[in-house]
Amino acid sequence: MGIILYLMLFGVFPFDAKNEDDIQYKIVKDPLKFPNKITISKSGYTLLNALLEKNQTLRVDTNDNLFDVWYNDE
């Protein structure tokens, strides 16, 4: 869900790579970066960071109320 939302908001994928192994590495190891030319709300950044959390045990579920905060903020 986080990758799709990132793509919808920024128009690019959050992890750009040449091959599948490189993508897997970036998903697990590289810090999440946001394009400088597009600005979204603080709650949007919070939601994306929560959905794309590296540690699966800390990653929010799509049923969590973070969506309510983001929708209401927007």
PDB file of N, CA and C in Angstrom:
ATOM      1  N   MET A   1       0.822  -1.194   0.000  1.00  0.00           N
ATOM      2  CA  MET A   1       0.000   0.000   0.000  1.00  0.00           C
ATOM      3  C   MET A   1       0.870   1.263   0.000  1.00  0.00           C
ATOM      4  N   GLY A   2       1.975   1.236   0.751  1.00  0.00           N
ATOM      5  CA  GLY A   2       2.847   2.406   0.833  1.00  0.00           C
ATOM      6  C   GLY A   2       3.487   2.761  -0.492  1.00  0.00           C
ATOM      7  N   ILE A   3       3.901   1.752  -1.246  1.00  0.00           N
ATOM      8  CA  ILE A   3       4.534   2.004  -2.542  1.00  0.00           C
ATOM      9  C   ILE A   3       3.531   2.620  -3.507  1.00  0.00           C
ATOM     10  N   ILE A   4       2.303   2.124  -3.481  1.00  0.00           N
ATOM     11  CA  ILE A   4       1.267   2.663  -4.373  1.00  0.00           C
ATOM     12  C   ILE A   4       0.953   4.117  -4.006  1.00  0.00           C
ATOM     13  N   LEU A   5       0.814   4.401  -2.721  1.00  0.00           N
ATOM     14  CA  LEU A   5       0.540   5.774  -2.282  1.00  0.00           C
ATOM     15  C   LEU A   5       1.698   6.700  -2.648  1.00  0.00           C
ATOM     16  N   TYR A   6       2.922   6.253  -2.447  1.00  0.00           N
ATOM     17  CA  TYR A   6       4.116   7.036  -2.807  1.00  0.00           C
ATOM     18  C   TYR A   6       4.088   7.349  -4.300  1.00  0.00           C
ATOM     19  N   LEU A   7       3.807   6.346  -5.110  1.00  0.00           N
ATOM     20  CA  LEU A   7       3.741   6.530  -6.566  1.00  0.00           C
ATOM     21  C   LEU A   7       2.635   7.508  -6.956  1.00  0.00           C
ATOM     22  N   MET A   8       1.496   7.429  -6.303  1.00  0.00           N
ATOM     23  CA  MET A   8       0.391   8.344  -6.605  1.00  0.00           C
ATOM     24  C   MET A   8       0.734   9.786  -6.242  1.00  0.00           C
ATOM     25  N   LEU A   9       1.413   9.980  -5.115  1.00  0.00           N
ATOM     26  CA  LEU A   9       1.719  11.334  -4.651  1.00  0.00           C
ATOM     27  C   LEU A   9       2.904  11.969  -5.375  1.00  0.00           C
ATOM     28  N   PHE A  10       3.919  11.162  -5.684  1.00  0.00           N
ATOM     29  CA  PHE A  10       5.147  11.722  -6.255  1.00  0.00           C
ATOM     30  C   PHE A  10       5.378  11.383  -7.726  1.00  0.00           C
ATOM     31  N   GLY A  11       4.659  10.401  -8.241  1.00  0.00           N
ATOM     32  CA  GLY A  11       4.802  10.046  -9.654  1.00  0.00           C
ATOM     33  C   GLY A  11       6.029   9.201  -9.972  1.00  0.00           C
ATOM     34  N   VAL A  12       6.720   8.719  -8.942  1.00  0.00           N
ATOM     35  CA  VAL A  12       7.881   7.843  -9.112  1.00  0.00           C
ATOM     36  C   VAL A  12       7.832   6.773  -8.020  1.00  0.00           C
ATOM     37  N   PHE A  13       8.568   5.690  -8.236  1.00  0.00           N
ATOM     38  CA  PHE A  13       8.650   4.647  -7.219  1.00  0.00           C
ATOM     39  C   PHE A  13       9.625   5.056  -6.131  1.00  0.00           C
ATOM     40  N   PRO A  14       9.391   4.625  -4.891  1.00  0.00           N
ATOM     41  CA  PRO A  14      10.285   5.011  -3.797  1.00  0.00           C
ATOM     42  C   PRO A  14      11.651   4.340  -3.862  1.00  0.00           C
ATOM     43  N   PHE A  15      11.749   3.221  -4.560  1.00  0.00           N
ATOM     44  CA  PHE A  15      13.009   2.490  -4.655  1.00  0.00           C
ATOM     45  C   PHE A  15      13.332   2.246  -6.120  1.00  0.00           C
ATOM     46  N   ASP A  16      14.284   2.985  -6.636  1.00  0.00           N
ATOM     47  CA  ASP A  16      14.674   2.867  -8.035  1.00  0.00           C
ATOM     48  C   ASP A  16      15.922   1.989  -8.130  1.00  0.00           C
ATOM     49  N   ALA A  17      15.889   0.995  -9.011  1.00  0.00           N
ATOM     50  CA  ALA A  17      17.027   0.090  -9.134  1.00  0.00           C
ATOM     51  C   ALA A  17      17.066  -0.525 -10.527  1.00  0.00           C
ATOM     52  N   LYS A  18      18.217  -1.111 -10.841  1.00  0.00           N
ATOM     53  CA  LYS A  18      18.421  -1.713 -12.163  1.00  0.00           C
ATOM     54  C   LYS A  18      17.893  -3.138 -12.254  1.00  0.00           C
ATOM     55  N   ASN A  19      17.843  -3.835 -11.115  1.00  0.00           N
ATOM     56  CA  ASN A  19      17.388  -5.224 -11.144  1.00  0.00           C
ATOM     57  C   ASN A  19      16.679  -5.566  -9.829  1.00  0.00           C
ATOM     58  N   GLU A  20      16.098  -6.753  -9.792  1.00  0.00           N
ATOM     59  CA  GLU A  20      15.299  -7.154  -8.637  1.00  0.00           C
ATOM     60  C   GLU A  20      16.129  -7.278  -7.358  1.00  0.00           C
ATOM     61  N   ASP A  21      17.355  -7.779  -7.460  1.00  0.00           N
ATOM     62  CA  ASP A  21      18.214  -7.899  -6.281  1.00  0.00           C
ATOM     63  C   ASP A  21      18.518  -6.531  -5.677  1.00  0.00           C
ATOM     64  N   ASP A  22      18.777  -5.564  -6.541  1.00  0.00           N
ATOM     65  CA  ASP A  22      19.065  -4.201  -6.086  1.00  0.00           C
ATOM     66  C   ASP A  22      17.836  -3.578  -5.429  1.00  0.00           C
ATOM     67  N   ILE A  23      16.674  -3.825  -5.987  1.00  0.00           N
ATOM     68  CA  ILE A  23      15.429  -3.317  -5.404  1.00  0.00           C
ATOM     69  C   ILE A  23      15.231  -3.909  -4.014  1.00  0.00           C
ATOM     70  N   GLN A  24      15.407  -5.227  -3.888  1.00  0.00           N
ATOM     71  CA  GLN A  24      15.248  -5.885  -2.589  1.00  0.00           C
ATOM     72  C   GLN A  24      16.199  -5.294  -1.554  1.00  0.00           C
ATOM     73  N   TYR A  25      17.436  -5.051  -1.955  1.00  0.00           N
ATOM     74  CA  TYR A  25      18.413  -4.465  -1.046  1.00  0.00           C
ATOM     75  C   TYR A  25      17.963  -3.074  -0.601  1.00  0.00           C
ATOM     76  N   LYS A  26      17.532  -2.253  -1.558  1.00  0.00           N
ATOM     77  CA  LYS A  26      17.119  -0.886  -1.232  1.00  0.00           C
ATOM     78  C   LYS A  26      15.885  -0.857  -0.334  1.00  0.00           C
ATOM     79  N   ILE A  27      14.962  -1.767  -0.570  1.00  0.00           N
ATOM     80  CA  ILE A  27      13.762  -1.827   0.262  1.00  0.00           C
ATOM     81  C   ILE A  27      14.134  -2.096   1.713  1.00  0.00           C
ATOM     82  N   VAL A  28      15.098  -2.962   1.925  1.00  0.00           N
ATOM     83  CA  VAL A  28      15.484  -3.358   3.276  1.00  0.00           C
ATOM     84  C   VAL A  28      16.489  -2.405   3.916  1.00  0.00           C
ATOM     85  N   LYS A  29      17.418  -1.863   3.144  1.00  0.00           N
ATOM     86  CA  LYS A  29      18.549  -1.131   3.722  1.00  0.00           C
ATOM     87  C   LYS A  29      18.560   0.385   3.504  1.00  0.00           C
ATOM     88  N   ASP A  30      18.150   0.854   2.342  1.00  0.00           N
ATOM     89  CA  ASP A  30      18.257   2.283   2.044  1.00  0.00           C
ATOM     90  C   ASP A  30      17.201   3.105   2.772  1.00  0.00           C
ATOM     91  N   PRO A  31      17.573   4.267   3.275  1.00  0.00           N
ATOM     92  CA  PRO A  31      16.568   5.129   3.911  1.00  0.00           C
ATOM     93  C   PRO A  31      15.565   5.646   2.875  1.00  0.00           C
ATOM     94  N   LEU A  32      14.359   5.869   3.308  1.00  0.00           N
ATOM     95  CA  LEU A  32      13.314   6.389   2.434  1.00  0.00           C
ATOM     96  C   LEU A  32      13.608   7.849   2.117  1.00  0.00           C
ATOM     97  N   LYS A  33      13.556   8.194   0.835  1.00  0.00           N
ATOM     98  CA  LYS A  33      13.810   9.569   0.401  1.00  0.00           C
ATOM     99  C   LYS A  33      12.574  10.084  -0.327  1.00  0.00           C
ATOM    100  N   PHE A  34      12.372  11.394  -0.215  1.00  0.00           N
ATOM    101  CA  PHE A  34      11.240  12.030  -0.873  1.00  0.00           C
ATOM    102  C   PHE A  34      11.754  13.040  -1.889  1.00  0.00           C
ATOM    103  N   PRO A  35      11.109  13.141  -3.061  1.00  0.00           N
ATOM    104  CA  PRO A  35      11.517  14.134  -4.061  1.00  0.00           C
ATOM    105  C   PRO A  35      11.412  15.551  -3.497  1.00  0.00           C
ATOM    106  N   ASN A  36      12.399  16.372  -3.790  1.00  0.00           N
ATOM    107  CA  ASN A  36      12.412  17.762  -3.292  1.00  0.00           C
ATOM    108  C   ASN A  36      11.405  18.652  -3.998  1.00  0.00           C
ATOM    109  N   LYS A  37      11.097  18.352  -5.240  1.00  0.00           N
ATOM    110  CA  LYS A  37      10.266  19.255  -6.034  1.00  0.00           C
ATOM    111  C   LYS A  37       8.767  19.169  -5.721  1.00  0.00           C
ATOM    112  N   ILE A  38       8.372  18.162  -4.952  1.00  0.00           N
ATOM    113  CA  ILE A  38       6.960  18.000  -4.602  1.00  0.00           C
ATOM    114  C   ILE A  38       6.838  17.999  -3.084  1.00  0.00           C
ATOM    115  N   THR A  39       5.912  18.800  -2.561  1.00  0.00           N
ATOM    116  CA  THR A  39       5.699  18.879  -1.122  1.00  0.00           C
ATOM    117  C   THR A  39       4.316  18.341  -0.791  1.00  0.00           C
ATOM    118  N   ILE A  40       4.260  17.524   0.237  1.00  0.00           N
ATOM    119  CA  ILE A  40       2.974  17.038   0.730  1.00  0.00           C
ATOM    120  C   ILE A  40       2.871  17.417   2.206  1.00  0.00           C
ATOM    121  N   SER A  41       1.719  17.204   2.789  1.00  0.00           N
ATOM    122  CA  SER A  41       1.504  17.584   4.192  1.00  0.00           C
ATOM    123  C   SER A  41       2.344  16.733   5.136  1.00  0.00           C
ATOM    124  N   LYS A  42       2.509  17.237   6.350  1.00  0.00           N
ATOM    125  CA  LYS A  42       3.256  16.499   7.369  1.00  0.00           C
ATOM    126  C   LYS A  42       2.595  15.152   7.644  1.00  0.00           C
ATOM    127  N   SER A  43       1.271  15.129   7.680  1.00  0.00           N
ATOM    128  CA  SER A  43       0.576  13.858   7.924  1.00  0.00           C
ATOM    129  C   SER A  43       0.773  12.893   6.757  1.00  0.00           C
ATOM    130  N   GLY A  44       0.949  13.419   5.554  1.00  0.00           N
ATOM    131  CA  GLY A  44       1.245  12.570   4.398  1.00  0.00           C
ATOM    132  C   GLY A  44       2.600  11.906   4.538  1.00  0.00           C
ATOM    133  N   TYR A  45       3.600  12.682   4.960  1.00  0.00           N
ATOM    134  CA  TYR A  45       4.931  12.116   5.202  1.00  0.00           C
ATOM    135  C   TYR A  45       4.886  11.086   6.333  1.00  0.00           C
ATOM    136  N   THR A  46       4.143  11.391   7.382  1.00  0.00           N
ATOM    137  CA  THR A  46       4.020  10.466   8.506  1.00  0.00           C
ATOM    138  C   THR A  46       3.399   9.149   8.056  1.00  0.00           C
ATOM    139  N   LEU A  47       2.347   9.237   7.268  1.00  0.00           N
ATOM    140  CA  LEU A  47       1.677   8.044   6.778  1.00  0.00           C
ATOM    141  C   LEU A  47       2.610   7.229   5.887  1.00  0.00           C
ATOM    142  N   LEU A  48       3.303   7.870   4.953  1.00  0.00           N
ATOM    143  CA  LEU A  48       4.218   7.144   4.071  1.00  0.00           C
ATOM    144  C   LEU A  48       5.341   6.481   4.858  1.00  0.00           C
ATOM    145  N   ASN A  49       5.916   7.191   5.805  1.00  0.00           N
ATOM    146  CA  ASN A  49       6.974   6.600   6.628  1.00  0.00           C
ATOM    147  C   ASN A  49       6.461   5.389   7.410  1.00  0.00           C
ATOM    148  N   ALA A  50       5.244   5.471   7.903  1.00  0.00           N
ATOM    149  CA  ALA A  50       4.674   4.364   8.666  1.00  0.00           C
ATOM    150  C   ALA A  50       4.379   3.163   7.767  1.00  0.00           C
ATOM    151  N   LEU A  51       3.891   3.423   6.555  1.00  0.00           N
ATOM    152  CA  LEU A  51       3.574   2.338   5.623  1.00  0.00           C
ATOM    153  C   LEU A  51       4.822   1.699   5.024  1.00  0.00           C
ATOM    154  N   LEU A  52       5.891   2.487   4.891  1.00  0.00           N
ATOM    155  CA  LEU A  52       7.122   1.980   4.281  1.00  0.00           C
ATOM    156  C   LEU A  52       8.221   1.728   5.313  1.00  0.00           C
ATOM    157  N   GLU A  53       7.838   1.551   6.559  1.00  0.00           N
ATOM    158  CA  GLU A  53       8.777   1.232   7.643  1.00  0.00           C
ATOM    159  C   GLU A  53       9.582  -0.019   7.287  1.00  0.00           C
ATOM    160  N   LYS A  54      10.890   0.036   7.471  1.00  0.00           N
ATOM    161  CA  LYS A  54      11.772  -1.089   7.143  1.00  0.00           C
ATOM    162  C   LYS A  54      11.488  -2.309   8.020  1.00  0.00           C
ATOM    163  N   ASN A  55      11.290  -2.084   9.311  1.00  0.00           N
ATOM    164  CA  ASN A  55      11.043  -3.168  10.256  1.00  0.00           C
ATOM    165  C   ASN A  55       9.572  -3.575  10.162  1.00  0.00           C
ATOM    166  N   GLN A  56       9.324  -4.782   9.699  1.00  0.00           N
ATOM    167  CA  GLN A  56       7.952  -5.236   9.486  1.00  0.00           C
ATOM    168  C   GLN A  56       7.122  -5.259  10.768  1.00  0.00           C
ATOM    169  N   THR A  57       7.764  -5.489  11.899  1.00  0.00           N
ATOM    170  CA  THR A  57       7.008  -5.534  13.149  1.00  0.00           C
ATOM    171  C   THR A  57       6.544  -4.139  13.578  1.00  0.00           C
ATOM    172  N   LEU A  58       7.211  -3.089  13.080  1.00  0.00           N
ATOM    173  CA  LEU A  58       6.836  -1.714  13.407  1.00  0.00           C
ATOM    174  C   LEU A  58       5.942  -1.074  12.344  1.00  0.00           C
ATOM    175  N   ARG A  59       5.880  -1.668  11.178  1.00  0.00           N
ATOM    176  CA  ARG A  59       5.100  -1.118  10.064  1.00  0.00           C
ATOM    177  C   ARG A  59       3.618  -1.141  10.391  1.00  0.00           C
ATOM    178  N   VAL A  60       2.928  -0.053  10.084  1.00  0.00           N
ATOM    179  CA  VAL A  60       1.489   0.007  10.371  1.00  0.00           C
ATOM    180  C   VAL A  60       0.719  -0.862   9.401  1.00  0.00           C
ATOM    181  N   ASP A  61      -0.400  -1.296   9.873  1.00  0.00           N
ATOM    182  CA  ASP A  61      -1.330  -2.050   9.050  1.00  0.00           C
ATOM    183  C   ASP A  61      -2.202  -1.042   8.313  1.00  0.00           C
ATOM    184  N   THR A  62      -2.655  -1.382   7.140  1.00  0.00           N
ATOM    185  CA  THR A  62      -3.488  -0.448   6.373  1.00  0.00           C
ATOM    186  C   THR A  62      -4.826  -0.179   7.053  1.00  0.00           C
ATOM    187  N   ASN A  63      -5.192  -0.960   8.037  1.00  0.00           N
ATOM    188  CA  ASN A  63      -6.441  -0.731   8.768  1.00  0.00           C
ATOM    189  C   ASN A  63      -6.270   0.251   9.917  1.00  0.00           C
ATOM    190  N   ASP A  64      -5.028   0.644  10.213  1.00  0.00           N
ATOM    191  CA  ASP A  64      -4.792   1.568  11.315  1.00  0.00           C
ATOM    192  C   ASP A  64      -5.413   2.933  11.020  1.00  0.00           C
ATOM    193  N   ASN A  65      -5.583   3.714  12.058  1.00  0.00           N
ATOM    194  CA  ASN A  65      -6.270   5.002  11.926  1.00  0.00           C
ATOM    195  C   ASN A  65      -5.397   6.098  11.326  1.00  0.00           C
ATOM    196  N   LEU A  66      -4.184   5.806  10.895  1.00  0.00           N
ATOM    197  CA  LEU A  66      -3.352   6.832  10.255  1.00  0.00           C
ATOM    198  C   LEU A  66      -4.023   7.402   9.009  1.00  0.00           C
ATOM    199  N   PHE A  67      -4.781   6.562   8.312  1.00  0.00           N
ATOM    200  CA  PHE A  67      -5.471   7.052   7.131  1.00  0.00           C
ATOM    201  C   PHE A  67      -6.490   8.122   7.493  1.00  0.00           C
ATOM    202  N   ASP A  68      -7.170   7.947   8.621  1.00  0.00           N
ATOM    203  CA  ASP A  68      -8.148   8.932   9.046  1.00  0.00           C
ATOM    204  C   ASP A  68      -7.494  10.293   9.280  1.00  0.00           C
ATOM    205  N   VAL A  69      -6.325  10.291   9.927  1.00  0.00           N
ATOM    206  CA  VAL A  69      -5.606  11.551  10.189  1.00  0.00           C
ATOM    207  C   VAL A  69      -5.217  12.198   8.878  1.00  0.00           C
ATOM    208  N   TRP A  70      -4.679  11.431   7.957  1.00  0.00           N
ATOM    209  CA  TRP A  70      -4.230  11.995   6.676  1.00  0.00           C
ATOM    210  C   TRP A  70      -5.409  12.526   5.869  1.00  0.00           C
ATOM    211  N   TYR A  71      -6.483  11.754   5.772  1.00  0.00           N
ATOM    212  CA  TYR A  71      -7.653  12.211   5.014  1.00  0.00           C
ATOM    213  C   TYR A  71      -8.267  13.458   5.624  1.00  0.00           C
ATOM    214  N   ASN A  72      -8.376  13.491   6.924  1.00  0.00           N
ATOM    215  CA  ASN A  72      -8.964  14.641   7.596  1.00  0.00           C
ATOM    216  C   ASN A  72      -8.076  15.880   7.485  1.00  0.00           C
ATOM    217  N   ASP A  73      -6.750  15.674   7.462  1.00  0.00           N
ATOM    218  CA  ASP A  73      -5.808  16.789   7.326  1.00  0.00           C
ATOM    219  C   ASP A  73      -5.873  17.379   5.932  1.00  0.00           C
ATOM    220  N   GLU A  74      -6.073  16.539   4.948  1.00  0.00           N
ATOM    221  CA  GLU A  74      -6.080  16.988   3.567  1.00  0.00           C
ATOM    222  C   GLU A  74      -7.398  17.631   3.235  1.00  0.00           C
TER     223      GLU A  74
END
